[in-house]
């Protein structure tokens, strides 16, 4: 009889292990670091950036230009029927965003 009671206690005890819930009290904060770009005239883009554009993308047309506080340029370009957005700093170095 003792073995039956002991076996039942072990079985019920082992089942209660799976009844626990895992509480994760960590808080997740999502921060969006989207740069604010202001549209500027295409003529306001520095000559160094325009030269780098012509060198890297021959035949590309600069459609629109934007600049942020760090003097990084967002350039909307088109080559033939394809459009793209590229990023450059004020010295004509390409940025990967």
PDB file of N, CA and C in Angstrom:
ATOM      1  N   UNK A   1       0.812  -1.195   0.000  1.00  0.00           N
ATOM      2  CA  UNK A   1       0.000   0.000   0.000  1.00  0.00           C
ATOM      3  C   UNK A   1       0.856   1.260   0.000  1.00  0.00           C
ATOM      4  N   UNK A   2       1.946   1.158   0.783  1.00  0.00           N
ATOM      5  CA  UNK A   2       2.849   2.310   0.825  1.00  0.00           C
ATOM      6  C   UNK A   2       3.425   2.590  -0.562  1.00  0.00           C
ATOM      7  N   UNK A   3       3.715   1.538  -1.314  1.00  0.00           N
ATOM      8  CA  UNK A   3       4.283   1.719  -2.659  1.00  0.00           C
ATOM      9  C   UNK A   3       3.292   2.404  -3.602  1.00  0.00           C
ATOM     10  N   UNK A   4       2.013   2.099  -3.466  1.00  0.00           N
ATOM     11  CA  UNK A   4       0.995   2.706  -4.323  1.00  0.00           C
ATOM     12  C   UNK A   4       0.862   4.188  -4.004  1.00  0.00           C
ATOM     13  N   UNK A   5       0.836   4.528  -2.747  1.00  0.00           N
ATOM     14  CA  UNK A   5       0.719   5.927  -2.344  1.00  0.00           C
ATOM     15  C   UNK A   5       1.981   6.686  -2.749  1.00  0.00           C
ATOM     16  N   UNK A   6       3.127   6.081  -2.544  1.00  0.00           N
ATOM     17  CA  UNK A   6       4.387   6.723  -2.926  1.00  0.00           C
ATOM     18  C   UNK A   6       4.459   6.905  -4.441  1.00  0.00           C
ATOM     19  N   UNK A   7       4.039   5.903  -5.193  1.00  0.00           N
ATOM     20  CA  UNK A   7       4.040   6.012  -6.658  1.00  0.00           C
ATOM     21  C   UNK A   7       3.081   7.102  -7.122  1.00  0.00           C
ATOM     22  N   UNK A   8       1.907   7.197  -6.514  1.00  0.00           N
ATOM     23  CA  UNK A   8       0.942   8.238  -6.886  1.00  0.00           C
ATOM     24  C   UNK A   8       1.493   9.619  -6.572  1.00  0.00           C
ATOM     25  N   UNK A   9       2.165   9.755  -5.445  1.00  0.00           N
ATOM     26  CA  UNK A   9       2.747  11.046  -5.078  1.00  0.00           C
ATOM     27  C   UNK A   9       3.835  11.445  -6.067  1.00  0.00           C
ATOM     28  N   UNK A  10       4.636  10.496  -6.503  1.00  0.00           N
ATOM     29  CA  UNK A  10       5.716  10.791  -7.459  1.00  0.00           C
ATOM     30  C   UNK A  10       5.116  11.184  -8.812  1.00  0.00           C
ATOM     31  N   UNK A  11       4.092  10.455  -9.256  1.00  0.00           N
ATOM     32  CA  UNK A  11       3.459  10.758 -10.552  1.00  0.00           C
ATOM     33  C   UNK A  11       2.798  12.135 -10.509  1.00  0.00           C
ATOM     34  N   UNK A  12       2.039  12.421  -9.469  1.00  0.00           N
ATOM     35  CA  UNK A  12       1.388  13.722  -9.360  1.00  0.00           C
ATOM     36  C   UNK A  12       2.405  14.854  -9.199  1.00  0.00           C
ATOM     37  N   UNK A  13       3.465  14.580  -8.467  1.00  0.00           N
ATOM     38  CA  UNK A  13       4.524  15.590  -8.315  1.00  0.00           C
ATOM     39  C   UNK A  13       5.219  15.891  -9.630  1.00  0.00           C
ATOM     40  N   UNK A  14       5.454  14.843 -10.425  1.00  0.00           N
ATOM     41  CA  UNK A  14       6.124  15.074 -11.706  1.00  0.00           C
ATOM     42  C   UNK A  14       5.202  15.796 -12.698  1.00  0.00           C
ATOM     43  N   UNK A  15       3.891  15.588 -12.592  1.00  0.00           N
ATOM     44  CA  UNK A  15       2.961  16.299 -13.465  1.00  0.00           C
ATOM     45  C   UNK A  15       2.855  17.776 -13.116  1.00  0.00           C
ATOM     46  N   UNK A  16       3.067  18.101 -11.855  1.00  0.00           N
ATOM     47  CA  UNK A  16       2.963  19.504 -11.453  1.00  0.00           C
ATOM     48  C   UNK A  16       4.125  20.339 -11.973  1.00  0.00           C
ATOM     49  N   UNK A  17       5.184  19.699 -12.392  1.00  0.00           N
ATOM     50  CA  UNK A  17       6.322  20.433 -12.965  1.00  0.00           C
ATOM     51  C   UNK A  17       5.889  21.122 -14.262  1.00  0.00           C
ATOM     52  N   UNK A  18       5.056  20.465 -15.038  1.00  0.00           N
ATOM     53  CA  UNK A  18       4.616  21.016 -16.314  1.00  0.00           C
ATOM     54  C   UNK A  18       3.517  22.058 -16.160  1.00  0.00           C
ATOM     55  N   UNK A  19       2.964  22.184 -14.986  1.00  0.00           N
ATOM     56  CA  UNK A  19       1.881  23.132 -14.761  1.00  0.00           C
ATOM     57  C   UNK A  19       2.390  24.537 -14.462  1.00  0.00           C
ATOM     58  N   UNK A  20       3.670  24.691 -14.264  1.00  0.00           N
ATOM     59  CA  UNK A  20       4.213  26.017 -13.971  1.00  0.00           C
ATOM     60  C   UNK A  20       4.230  26.865 -15.230  1.00  0.00           C
ATOM     61  N   UNK A  21       4.062  28.131 -15.045  1.00  0.00           N
ATOM     62  CA  UNK A  21       4.123  29.053 -16.182  1.00  0.00           C
ATOM     63  C   UNK A  21       5.431  29.807 -16.135  1.00  0.00           C
ATOM     64  N   UNK A  22       5.934  30.104 -17.280  1.00  0.00           N
ATOM     65  CA  UNK A  22       7.183  30.839 -17.396  1.00  0.00           C
ATOM     66  C   UNK A  22       6.848  32.311 -17.540  1.00  0.00           C
ATOM     67  N   UNK A  23       7.193  33.079 -16.541  1.00  0.00           N
ATOM     68  CA  UNK A  23       6.923  34.514 -16.599  1.00  0.00           C
ATOM     69  C   UNK A  23       8.184  35.233 -17.032  1.00  0.00           C
ATOM     70  N   UNK A  24       8.038  36.006 -18.037  1.00  0.00           N
ATOM     71  CA  UNK A  24       9.153  36.788 -18.534  1.00  0.00           C
ATOM     72  C   UNK A  24       8.840  38.248 -18.241  1.00  0.00           C
ATOM     73  N   UNK A  25       9.474  38.784 -17.212  1.00  0.00           N
ATOM     74  CA  UNK A  25       9.194  40.150 -16.799  1.00  0.00           C
ATOM     75  C   UNK A  25      10.073  41.178 -17.504  1.00  0.00           C
ATOM     76  N   UNK A  26      10.868  40.751 -18.464  1.00  0.00           N
ATOM     77  CA  UNK A  26      11.711  41.693 -19.185  1.00  0.00           C
ATOM     78  C   UNK A  26      10.843  42.559 -20.088  1.00  0.00           C
ATOM     79  N   UNK A  27      11.155  43.825 -20.114  1.00  0.00           N
ATOM     80  CA  UNK A  27      10.418  44.735 -20.977  1.00  0.00           C
ATOM     81  C   UNK A  27      11.264  45.010 -22.214  1.00  0.00           C
ATOM     82  N   UNK A  28      10.621  44.998 -23.346  1.00  0.00           N
ATOM     83  CA  UNK A  28      11.295  45.242 -24.606  1.00  0.00           C
ATOM     84  C   UNK A  28      10.893  46.625 -25.093  1.00  0.00           C
ATOM     85  N   UNK A  29      11.895  47.431 -25.375  1.00  0.00           N
ATOM     86  CA  UNK A  29      11.640  48.760 -25.901  1.00  0.00           C
ATOM     87  C   UNK A  29      12.166  48.815 -27.324  1.00  0.00           C
ATOM     88  N   UNK A  30      11.302  49.187 -28.239  1.00  0.00           N
ATOM     89  CA  UNK A  30      11.700  49.310 -29.640  1.00  0.00           C
ATOM     90  C   UNK A  30      11.851  50.785 -29.946  1.00  0.00           C
ATOM     91  N   UNK A  31      13.031  51.129 -30.444  1.00  0.00           N
ATOM     92  CA  UNK A  31      13.321  52.516 -30.770  1.00  0.00           C
ATOM     93  C   UNK A  31      13.594  52.597 -32.263  1.00  0.00           C
ATOM     94  N   UNK A  32      12.939  53.508 -32.904  1.00  0.00           N
ATOM     95  CA  UNK A  32      13.108  53.704 -34.335  1.00  0.00           C
ATOM     96  C   UNK A  32      13.991  54.923 -34.554  1.00  0.00           C
ATOM     97  N   UNK A  33      15.167  54.702 -35.110  1.00  0.00           N
ATOM     98  CA  UNK A  33      16.102  55.790 -35.361  1.00  0.00           C
ATOM     99  C   UNK A  33      16.011  56.222 -36.813  1.00  0.00           C
ATOM    100  N   UNK A  34      14.924  56.785 -37.170  1.00  0.00           N
ATOM    101  CA  UNK A  34      14.753  57.243 -38.537  1.00  0.00           C
ATOM    102  C   UNK A  34      15.244  58.684 -38.608  1.00  0.00           C
ATOM    103  N   UNK A  35      16.170  58.895 -39.503  1.00  0.00           N
ATOM    104  CA  UNK A  35      16.716  60.227 -39.692  1.00  0.00           C
ATOM    105  C   UNK A  35      15.687  61.115 -40.385  1.00  0.00           C
ATOM    106  N   UNK A  36      15.692  62.362 -40.036  1.00  0.00           N
ATOM    107  CA  UNK A  36      14.794  63.322 -40.674  1.00  0.00           C
ATOM    108  C   UNK A  36      15.577  64.031 -41.774  1.00  0.00           C
ATOM    109  N   UNK A  37      15.130  63.838 -42.987  1.00  0.00           N
ATOM    110  CA  UNK A  37      15.759  64.476 -44.136  1.00  0.00           C
ATOM    111  C   UNK A  37      14.859  65.603 -44.632  1.00  0.00           C
ATOM    112  N   UNK A  38      15.498  66.690 -45.027  1.00  0.00           N
ATOM    113  CA  UNK A  38      14.788  67.835 -45.573  1.00  0.00           C
ATOM    114  C   UNK A  38      15.138  67.938 -47.054  1.00  0.00           C
ATOM    115  N   UNK A  39      14.130  68.146 -47.867  1.00  0.00           N
ATOM    116  CA  UNK A  39      14.375  68.231 -49.306  1.00  0.00           C
ATOM    117  C   UNK A  39      15.119  69.518 -49.639  1.00  0.00           C
ATOM    118  N   UNK A  40      16.104  69.391 -50.505  1.00  0.00           N
ATOM    119  CA  UNK A  40      16.879  70.537 -50.983  1.00  0.00           C
ATOM    120  C   UNK A  40      16.867  70.506 -52.503  1.00  0.00           C
ATOM    121  N   UNK A  41      17.207  71.614 -53.084  1.00  0.00           N
ATOM    122  CA  UNK A  41      17.285  71.688 -54.547  1.00  0.00           C
ATOM    123  C   UNK A  41      18.449  70.831 -55.028  1.00  0.00           C
ATOM    124  N   UNK A  42      18.301  70.270 -56.207  1.00  0.00           N
ATOM    125  CA  UNK A  42      19.356  69.429 -56.772  1.00  0.00           C
ATOM    126  C   UNK A  42      20.646  70.229 -56.929  1.00  0.00           C
ATOM    127  N   UNK A  43      20.518  71.527 -57.217  1.00  0.00           N
ATOM    128  CA  UNK A  43      21.697  72.379 -57.371  1.00  0.00           C
ATOM    129  C   UNK A  43      22.413  72.615 -56.048  1.00  0.00           C
ATOM    130  N   UNK A  44      21.737  72.387 -54.913  1.00  0.00           N
ATOM    131  CA  UNK A  44      22.345  72.608 -53.601  1.00  0.00           C
ATOM    132  C   UNK A  44      23.223  71.441 -53.163  1.00  0.00           C
ATOM    133  N   UNK A  45      23.172  70.339 -53.899  1.00  0.00           N
ATOM    134  CA  UNK A  45      24.021  69.185 -53.572  1.00  0.00           C
ATOM    135  C   UNK A  45      25.460  69.553 -53.930  1.00  0.00           C
ATOM    136  N   UNK A  46      26.420  69.308 -53.013  1.00  0.00           N
ATOM    137  CA  UNK A  46      27.810  69.671 -53.296  1.00  0.00           C
ATOM    138  C   UNK A  46      28.343  68.997 -54.559  1.00  0.00           C
ATOM    139  N   UNK A  47      29.254  69.681 -55.214  1.00  0.00           N
ATOM    140  CA  UNK A  47      29.833  69.172 -56.457  1.00  0.00           C
ATOM    141  C   UNK A  47      30.547  67.840 -56.233  1.00  0.00           C
ATOM    142  N   UNK A  48      31.130  67.650 -55.055  1.00  0.00           N
ATOM    143  CA  UNK A  48      31.828  66.396 -54.746  1.00  0.00           C
ATOM    144  C   UNK A  48      30.847  65.226 -54.767  1.00  0.00           C
ATOM    145  N   UNK A  49      29.660  65.435 -54.235  1.00  0.00           N
ATOM    146  CA  UNK A  49      28.643  64.381 -54.201  1.00  0.00           C
ATOM    147  C   UNK A  49      28.136  64.108 -55.612  1.00  0.00           C
ATOM    148  N   UNK A  50      27.918  65.153 -56.401  1.00  0.00           N
ATOM    149  CA  UNK A  50      27.454  64.956 -57.781  1.00  0.00           C
ATOM    150  C   UNK A  50      28.507  64.242 -58.622  1.00  0.00           C
ATOM    151  N   UNK A  51      29.779  64.570 -58.409  1.00  0.00           N
ATOM    152  CA  UNK A  51      30.863  63.891 -59.133  1.00  0.00           C
ATOM    153  C   UNK A  51      30.930  62.420 -58.742  1.00  0.00           C
ATOM    154  N   UNK A  52      30.790  62.125 -57.435  1.00  0.00           N
ATOM    155  CA  UNK A  52      30.793  60.732 -56.985  1.00  0.00           C
ATOM    156  C   UNK A  52      29.618  59.969 -57.573  1.00  0.00           C
ATOM    157  N   UNK A  53      28.482  60.640 -57.717  1.00  0.00           N
ATOM    158  CA  UNK A  53      27.304  60.015 -58.308  1.00  0.00           C
ATOM    159  C   UNK A  53      27.554  59.671 -59.770  1.00  0.00           C
ATOM    160  N   UNK A  54      28.137  60.593 -60.512  1.00  0.00           N
ATOM    161  CA  UNK A  54      28.412  60.340 -61.931  1.00  0.00           C
ATOM    162  C   UNK A  54      29.458  59.249 -62.108  1.00  0.00           C
ATOM    163  N   UNK A  55      30.403  59.165 -61.178  1.00  0.00           N
ATOM    164  CA  UNK A  55      31.444  58.133 -61.258  1.00  0.00           C
ATOM    165  C   UNK A  55      30.870  56.760 -60.931  1.00  0.00           C
ATOM    166  N   UNK A  56      30.073  56.682 -59.867  1.00  0.00           N
ATOM    167  CA  UNK A  56      29.541  55.389 -59.431  1.00  0.00           C
ATOM    168  C   UNK A  56      28.379  54.918 -60.296  1.00  0.00           C
ATOM    169  N   UNK A  57      27.587  55.847 -60.789  1.00  0.00           N
ATOM    170  CA  UNK A  57      26.396  55.508 -61.574  1.00  0.00           C
ATOM    171  C   UNK A  57      26.393  56.314 -62.868  1.00  0.00           C
ATOM    172  N   UNK A  58      27.171  55.900 -63.859  1.00  0.00           N
ATOM    173  CA  UNK A  58      27.196  56.637 -65.124  1.00  0.00           C
ATOM    174  C   UNK A  58      25.815  56.649 -65.774  1.00  0.00           C
ATOM    175  N   UNK A  59      25.416  57.786 -66.229  1.00  0.00           N
ATOM    176  CA  UNK A  59      24.119  57.926 -66.881  1.00  0.00           C
ATOM    177  C   UNK A  59      22.954  58.095 -65.924  1.00  0.00           C
ATOM    178  N   UNK A  60      23.245  58.234 -64.633  1.00  0.00           N
ATOM    179  CA  UNK A  60      22.173  58.402 -63.646  1.00  0.00           C
ATOM    180  C   UNK A  60      21.720  59.849 -63.602  1.00  0.00           C
ATOM    181  N   UNK A  61      20.415  60.038 -63.431  1.00  0.00           N
ATOM    182  CA  UNK A  61      19.855  61.375 -63.267  1.00  0.00           C
ATOM    183  C   UNK A  61      19.476  61.568 -61.806  1.00  0.00           C
ATOM    184  N   UNK A  62      19.857  62.702 -61.257  1.00  0.00           N
ATOM    185  CA  UNK A  62      19.506  63.037 -59.882  1.00  0.00           C
ATOM    186  C   UNK A  62      18.130  63.680 -59.900  1.00  0.00           C
ATOM    187  N   UNK A  63      17.114  62.959 -59.395  1.00  0.00           N
ATOM    188  CA  UNK A  63      15.738  63.441 -59.428  1.00  0.00           C
ATOM    189  C   UNK A  63      15.423  64.340 -58.236  1.00  0.00           C
ATOM    190  N   UNK A  64      15.741  63.868 -57.028  1.00  0.00           N
ATOM    191  CA  UNK A  64      15.480  64.641 -55.812  1.00  0.00           C
ATOM    192  C   UNK A  64      16.638  64.454 -54.848  1.00  0.00           C
ATOM    193  N   UNK A  65      16.826  65.432 -53.988  1.00  0.00           N
ATOM    194  CA  UNK A  65      17.894  65.353 -52.998  1.00  0.00           C
ATOM    195  C   UNK A  65      17.357  65.804 -51.644  1.00  0.00           C
ATOM    196  N   UNK A  66      17.831  65.147 -50.600  1.00  0.00           N
ATOM    197  CA  UNK A  66      17.452  65.457 -49.230  1.00  0.00           C
ATOM    198  C   UNK A  66      18.723  65.499 -48.390  1.00  0.00           C
ATOM    199  N   UNK A  67      18.700  66.276 -47.319  1.00  0.00           N
ATOM    200  CA  UNK A  67      19.863  66.371 -46.427  1.00  0.00           C
ATOM    201  C   UNK A  67      19.361  66.316 -44.984  1.00  0.00           C
ATOM    202  N   UNK A  68      20.191  65.741 -44.091  1.00  0.00           N
ATOM    203  CA  UNK A  68      19.834  65.722 -42.673  1.00  0.00           C
ATOM    204  C   UNK A  68      20.792  66.620 -41.896  1.00  0.00           C
ATOM    205  N   UNK A  69      20.676  66.605 -40.572  1.00  0.00           N
ATOM    206  CA  UNK A  69      21.500  67.494 -39.738  1.00  0.00           C
ATOM    207  C   UNK A  69      22.988  67.158 -39.803  1.00  0.00           C
ATOM    208  N   UNK A  70      23.321  65.911 -40.096  1.00  0.00           N
ATOM    209  CA  UNK A  70      24.722  65.484 -40.164  1.00  0.00           C
ATOM    210  C   UNK A  70      25.339  65.736 -41.536  1.00  0.00           C
ATOM    211  N   UNK A  71      24.616  66.433 -42.395  1.00  0.00           N
ATOM    212  CA  UNK A  71      25.039  66.706 -43.773  1.00  0.00           C
ATOM    213  C   UNK A  71      25.225  65.410 -44.562  1.00  0.00           C
ATOM    214  N   UNK A  72      24.312  64.466 -44.327  1.00  0.00           N
ATOM    215  CA  UNK A  72      24.267  63.249 -45.119  1.00  0.00           C
ATOM    216  C   UNK A  72      23.146  63.422 -46.136  1.00  0.00           C
ATOM    217  N   UNK A  73      23.408  62.990 -47.351  1.00  0.00           N
ATOM    218  CA  UNK A  73      22.472  63.226 -48.444  1.00  0.00           C
ATOM    219  C   UNK A  73      21.756  61.939 -48.830  1.00  0.00           C
ATOM    220  N   UNK A  74      20.454  62.055 -49.006  1.00  0.00           N
ATOM    221  CA  UNK A  74      19.621  60.983 -49.539  1.00  0.00           C
ATOM    222  C   UNK A  74      19.289  61.409 -50.952  1.00  0.00           C
ATOM    223  N   UNK A  75      19.715  60.622 -51.920  1.00  0.00           N
ATOM    224  CA  UNK A  75      19.572  60.995 -53.318  1.00  0.00           C
ATOM    225  C   UNK A  75      18.652  60.012 -54.024  1.00  0.00           C
ATOM    226  N   UNK A  76      17.607  60.534 -54.627  1.00  0.00           N
ATOM    227  CA  UNK A  76      16.723  59.715 -55.453  1.00  0.00           C
ATOM    228  C   UNK A  76      17.221  59.842 -56.879  1.00  0.00           C
ATOM    229  N   UNK A  77      17.649  58.714 -57.433  1.00  0.00           N
ATOM    230  CA  UNK A  77      18.224  58.737 -58.778  1.00  0.00           C
ATOM    231  C   UNK A  77      17.419  57.817 -59.687  1.00  0.00           C
ATOM    232  N   UNK A  78      17.603  58.032 -60.981  1.00  0.00           N
ATOM    233  CA  UNK A  78      16.996  57.137 -61.967  1.00  0.00           C
ATOM    234  C   UNK A  78      18.019  56.869 -63.058  1.00  0.00           C
ATOM    235  N   UNK A  79      18.089  55.600 -63.435  1.00  0.00           N
ATOM    236  CA  UNK A  79      18.959  55.173 -64.531  1.00  0.00           C
ATOM    237  C   UNK A  79      18.062  54.433 -65.503  1.00  0.00           C
ATOM    238  N   UNK A  80      17.802  55.075 -66.608  1.00  0.00           N
ATOM    239  CA  UNK A  80      16.865  54.486 -67.570  1.00  0.00           C
ATOM    240  C   UNK A  80      15.473  54.473 -66.960  1.00  0.00           C
ATOM    241  N   UNK A  81      14.874  53.289 -66.883  1.00  0.00           N
ATOM    242  CA  UNK A  81      13.536  53.183 -66.302  1.00  0.00           C
ATOM    243  C   UNK A  81      13.575  52.690 -64.855  1.00  0.00           C
ATOM    244  N   UNK A  82      14.758  52.541 -64.287  1.00  0.00           N
ATOM    245  CA  UNK A  82      14.881  52.081 -62.903  1.00  0.00           C
ATOM    246  C   UNK A  82      15.174  53.235 -61.970  1.00  0.00           C
ATOM    247  N   UNK A  83      14.584  53.179 -60.778  1.00  0.00           N
ATOM    248  CA  UNK A  83      14.791  54.218 -59.779  1.00  0.00           C
ATOM    249  C   UNK A  83      15.447  53.602 -58.557  1.00  0.00           C
ATOM    250  N   UNK A  84      16.231  54.400 -57.847  1.00  0.00           N
ATOM    251  CA  UNK A  84      16.911  53.923 -56.644  1.00  0.00           C
ATOM    252  C   UNK A  84      17.133  55.091 -55.695  1.00  0.00           C
ATOM    253  N   UNK A  85      17.431  54.752 -54.451  1.00  0.00           N
ATOM    254  CA  UNK A  85      17.782  55.749 -53.448  1.00  0.00           C
ATOM    255  C   UNK A  85      19.157  55.376 -52.923  1.00  0.00           C
ATOM    256  N   UNK A  86      20.066  56.334 -52.950  1.00  0.00           N
ATOM    257  CA  UNK A  86      21.421  56.131 -52.430  1.00  0.00           C
ATOM    258  C   UNK A  86      21.712  57.209 -51.390  1.00  0.00           C
ATOM    259  N   UNK A  87      22.653  56.914 -50.524  1.00  0.00           N
ATOM    260  CA  UNK A  87      22.999  57.826 -49.435  1.00  0.00           C
ATOM    261  C   UNK A  87      24.479  58.161 -49.516  1.00  0.00           C
ATOM    262  N   UNK A  88      24.799  59.423 -49.258  1.00  0.00           N
ATOM    263  CA  UNK A  88      26.174  59.887 -49.335  1.00  0.00           C
ATOM    264  C   UNK A  88      26.423  60.902 -48.232  1.00  0.00           C
ATOM    265  N   UNK A  89      27.688  61.005 -47.812  1.00  0.00           N
ATOM    266  CA  UNK A  89      28.017  62.088 -46.891  1.00  0.00           C
ATOM    267  C   UNK A  89      28.445  63.302 -47.710  1.00  0.00           C
ATOM    268  N   UNK A  90      28.829  64.377 -47.052  1.00  0.00           N
ATOM    269  CA  UNK A  90      29.161  65.617 -47.739  1.00  0.00           C
ATOM    270  C   UNK A  90      30.450  65.510 -48.553  1.00  0.00           C
ATOM    271  N   UNK A  91      31.256  64.460 -48.279  1.00  0.00           N
ATOM    272  CA  UNK A  91      32.511  64.285 -48.989  1.00  0.00           C
ATOM    273  C   UNK A  91      32.388  63.341 -50.182  1.00  0.00           C
ATOM    274  N   UNK A  92      31.193  62.868 -50.478  1.00  0.00           N
ATOM    275  CA  UNK A  92      30.991  61.978 -51.608  1.00  0.00           C
ATOM    276  C   UNK A  92      31.224  60.511 -51.291  1.00  0.00           C
ATOM    277  N   UNK A  93      31.328  60.162 -50.017  1.00  0.00           N
ATOM    278  CA  UNK A  93      31.489  58.752 -49.619  1.00  0.00           C
ATOM    279  C   UNK A  93      30.101  58.135 -49.485  1.00  0.00           C
ATOM    280  N   UNK A  94      29.943  56.932 -50.022  1.00  0.00           N
ATOM    281  CA  UNK A  94      28.656  56.258 -50.003  1.00  0.00           C
ATOM    282  C   UNK A  94      28.412  55.648 -48.635  1.00  0.00           C
ATOM    283  N   UNK A  95      27.181  55.792 -48.167  1.00  0.00           N
ATOM    284  CA  UNK A  95      26.796  55.268 -46.867  1.00  0.00           C
ATOM    285  C   UNK A  95      25.897  54.066 -47.052  1.00  0.00           C
ATOM    286  N   UNK A  96      26.015  53.101 -46.142  1.00  0.00           N
ATOM    287  CA  UNK A  96      25.128  51.945 -46.154  1.00  0.00           C
ATOM    288  C   UNK A  96      24.135  52.127 -45.039  1.00  0.00           C
ATOM    289  N   UNK A  97      22.880  52.175 -45.386  1.00  0.00           N
ATOM    290  CA  UNK A  97      21.813  52.410 -44.398  1.00  0.00           C
ATOM    291  C   UNK A  97      21.038  51.125 -44.201  1.00  0.00           C
TER     292      UNK A  97
END
